[in-house]
Amino acid sequence: MEKNVKSIATINPLSDLISDDIYSLLNSKGLINEKSVRDYSIRKRFQELKAQDISASDAIERIRVDHPYLQFDTIRKIVYQLK
């Protein structure tokens, strides 16, 4: 059971950018900004939903299911912020 907890904790949300080993190393050193990773994941999910011809407001509502602690406007700001 302890093995499953560890594997869940080491999931790499940036796997399209960096390897799992590098993510684990950076995370173990406290060098991962969790808010930035969350925002990146939200923007990525938004683009995936838009590619499926889902409206922006529906995409944001679907993202809110995974992040219920965020307001609609907060997610809107995240997905539309300038890079």
C-alpha atoms as a PDB file:
ATOM      1  CA  MET A   1       0.000   0.000   0.000  1.00  0.00           C
ATOM      2  CA  GLU A   2       2.837   2.389   0.803  1.00  0.00           C
ATOM      3  CA  LYS A   3       4.220   1.837  -2.694  1.00  0.00           C
ATOM      4  CA  ASN A   4       1.019   3.229  -4.270  1.00  0.00           C
ATOM      5  CA  VAL A   5       1.181   6.370  -2.153  1.00  0.00           C
ATOM      6  CA  LYS A   6       4.735   7.014  -3.320  1.00  0.00           C
ATOM      7  CA  SER A   7       3.861   6.514  -7.003  1.00  0.00           C
ATOM      8  CA  ILE A   8       0.945   8.939  -6.721  1.00  0.00           C
ATOM      9  CA  ALA A   9       3.195  11.555  -5.098  1.00  0.00           C
ATOM     10  CA  THR A  10       5.786  11.328  -7.863  1.00  0.00           C
ATOM     11  CA  ILE A  11       3.511  11.734 -10.889  1.00  0.00           C
ATOM     12  CA  ASN A  12       5.188  14.120 -13.313  1.00  0.00           C
ATOM     13  CA  PRO A  13       2.687  16.718 -14.560  1.00  0.00           C
ATOM     14  CA  LEU A  14       5.438  18.152 -16.769  1.00  0.00           C
ATOM     15  CA  SER A  15       6.225  14.900 -18.578  1.00  0.00           C
ATOM     16  CA  ASP A  16       5.925  16.632 -21.954  1.00  0.00           C
ATOM     17  CA  LEU A  17       8.716  19.025 -20.892  1.00  0.00           C
ATOM     18  CA  ILE A  18      11.075  17.121 -18.585  1.00  0.00           C
ATOM     19  CA  SER A  19      11.794  13.518 -17.693  1.00  0.00           C
ATOM     20  CA  ASP A  20      10.337  11.851 -14.609  1.00  0.00           C
ATOM     21  CA  ASP A  21      13.818  11.569 -13.070  1.00  0.00           C
ATOM     22  CA  ILE A  22      14.513  15.283 -13.438  1.00  0.00           C
ATOM     23  CA  TYR A  23      11.065  16.167 -12.086  1.00  0.00           C
ATOM     24  CA  SER A  24      11.608  13.912  -9.067  1.00  0.00           C
ATOM     25  CA  LEU A  25      15.030  15.426  -8.417  1.00  0.00           C
ATOM     26  CA  LEU A  26      13.757  19.015  -8.677  1.00  0.00           C
ATOM     27  CA  ASN A  27      10.732  18.187  -6.532  1.00  0.00           C
ATOM     28  CA  SER A  28      12.869  16.505  -3.856  1.00  0.00           C
ATOM     29  CA  LYS A  29      15.023  19.660  -3.674  1.00  0.00           C
ATOM     30  CA  GLY A  30      11.964  21.901  -3.339  1.00  0.00           C
ATOM     31  CA  LEU A  31      12.580  23.546  -6.703  1.00  0.00           C
ATOM     32  CA  ILE A  32       9.131  22.948  -8.191  1.00  0.00           C
ATOM     33  CA  ASN A  33       6.678  25.842  -7.949  1.00  0.00           C
ATOM     34  CA  GLU A  34       3.394  23.972  -7.441  1.00  0.00           C
ATOM     35  CA  LYS A  35       1.228  26.951  -8.412  1.00  0.00           C
ATOM     36  CA  SER A  36       3.067  27.370 -11.706  1.00  0.00           C
ATOM     37  CA  VAL A  37       2.758  23.642 -12.420  1.00  0.00           C
ATOM     38  CA  ARG A  38      -0.973  23.813 -11.620  1.00  0.00           C
ATOM     39  CA  ASP A  39      -1.426  26.800 -13.932  1.00  0.00           C
ATOM     40  CA  TYR A  40       0.518  25.049 -16.710  1.00  0.00           C
ATOM     41  CA  SER A  41      -1.692  21.961 -16.334  1.00  0.00           C
ATOM     42  CA  ILE A  42      -4.832  24.111 -16.435  1.00  0.00           C
ATOM     43  CA  ARG A  43      -3.690  25.884 -19.615  1.00  0.00           C
ATOM     44  CA  LYS A  44      -2.805  22.556 -21.222  1.00  0.00           C
ATOM     45  CA  ARG A  45      -6.199  21.039 -20.301  1.00  0.00           C
ATOM     46  CA  PHE A  46      -7.975  24.145 -21.619  1.00  0.00           C
ATOM     47  CA  GLN A  47      -6.209  23.828 -24.978  1.00  0.00           C
ATOM     48  CA  GLU A  48      -7.109  20.121 -25.152  1.00  0.00           C
ATOM     49  CA  LEU A  49     -10.776  20.906 -24.519  1.00  0.00           C
ATOM     50  CA  LYS A  50     -10.809  23.759 -27.047  1.00  0.00           C
ATOM     51  CA  ALA A  51      -9.301  21.381 -29.634  1.00  0.00           C
ATOM     52  CA  GLN A  52     -12.405  19.212 -29.111  1.00  0.00           C
ATOM     53  CA  ASP A  53     -14.599  22.184 -30.119  1.00  0.00           C
ATOM     54  CA  ILE A  54     -15.768  22.789 -26.565  1.00  0.00           C
ATOM     55  CA  SER A  55     -16.664  26.409 -25.838  1.00  0.00           C
ATOM     56  CA  ALA A  56     -14.350  28.405 -23.600  1.00  0.00           C
ATOM     57  CA  SER A  57     -16.931  28.726 -20.830  1.00  0.00           C
ATOM     58  CA  ASP A  58     -17.727  24.993 -20.894  1.00  0.00           C
ATOM     59  CA  ALA A  59     -14.004  24.183 -20.872  1.00  0.00           C
ATOM     60  CA  ILE A  60     -13.498  26.406 -17.826  1.00  0.00           C
ATOM     61  CA  GLU A  61     -16.444  24.758 -16.054  1.00  0.00           C
ATOM     62  CA  ARG A  62     -14.943  21.320 -16.742  1.00  0.00           C
ATOM     63  CA  ILE A  63     -11.619  22.474 -15.347  1.00  0.00           C
ATOM     64  CA  ARG A  64     -13.431  23.731 -12.226  1.00  0.00           C
ATOM     65  CA  VAL A  65     -14.525  20.141 -11.551  1.00  0.00           C
ATOM     66  CA  ASP A  66     -10.852  19.244 -11.026  1.00  0.00           C
ATOM     67  CA  HIS A  67     -10.076  22.502  -9.197  1.00  0.00           C
ATOM     68  CA  PRO A  68     -13.269  23.389  -7.261  1.00  0.00           C
ATOM     69  CA  TYR A  69     -11.350  25.764  -4.998  1.00  0.00           C
ATOM     70  CA  LEU A  70     -10.752  28.106  -7.976  1.00  0.00           C
ATOM     71  CA  GLN A  71     -13.348  30.604  -9.150  1.00  0.00           C
ATOM     72  CA  PHE A  72     -14.424  30.757 -12.806  1.00  0.00           C
ATOM     73  CA  ASP A  73     -12.702  34.144 -13.243  1.00  0.00           C
ATOM     74  CA  THR A  74      -9.483  32.843 -11.718  1.00  0.00           C
ATOM     75  CA  ILE A  75      -9.320  29.996 -14.227  1.00  0.00           C
ATOM     76  CA  ARG A  76     -10.195  32.424 -17.031  1.00  0.00           C
ATOM     77  CA  LYS A  77      -7.269  34.623 -16.001  1.00  0.00           C
ATOM     78  CA  ILE A  78      -4.934  31.618 -15.889  1.00  0.00           C
ATOM     79  CA  VAL A  79      -5.851  30.382 -19.368  1.00  0.00           C
ATOM     80  CA  TYR A  80      -5.741  33.823 -20.982  1.00  0.00           C
ATOM     81  CA  GLN A  81      -2.706  35.295 -19.229  1.00  0.00           C
ATOM     82  CA  LEU A  82       0.106  36.398 -21.497  1.00  0.00           C
ATOM     83  CA  LYS A  83       3.052  34.047 -21.605  1.00  0.00           C
END
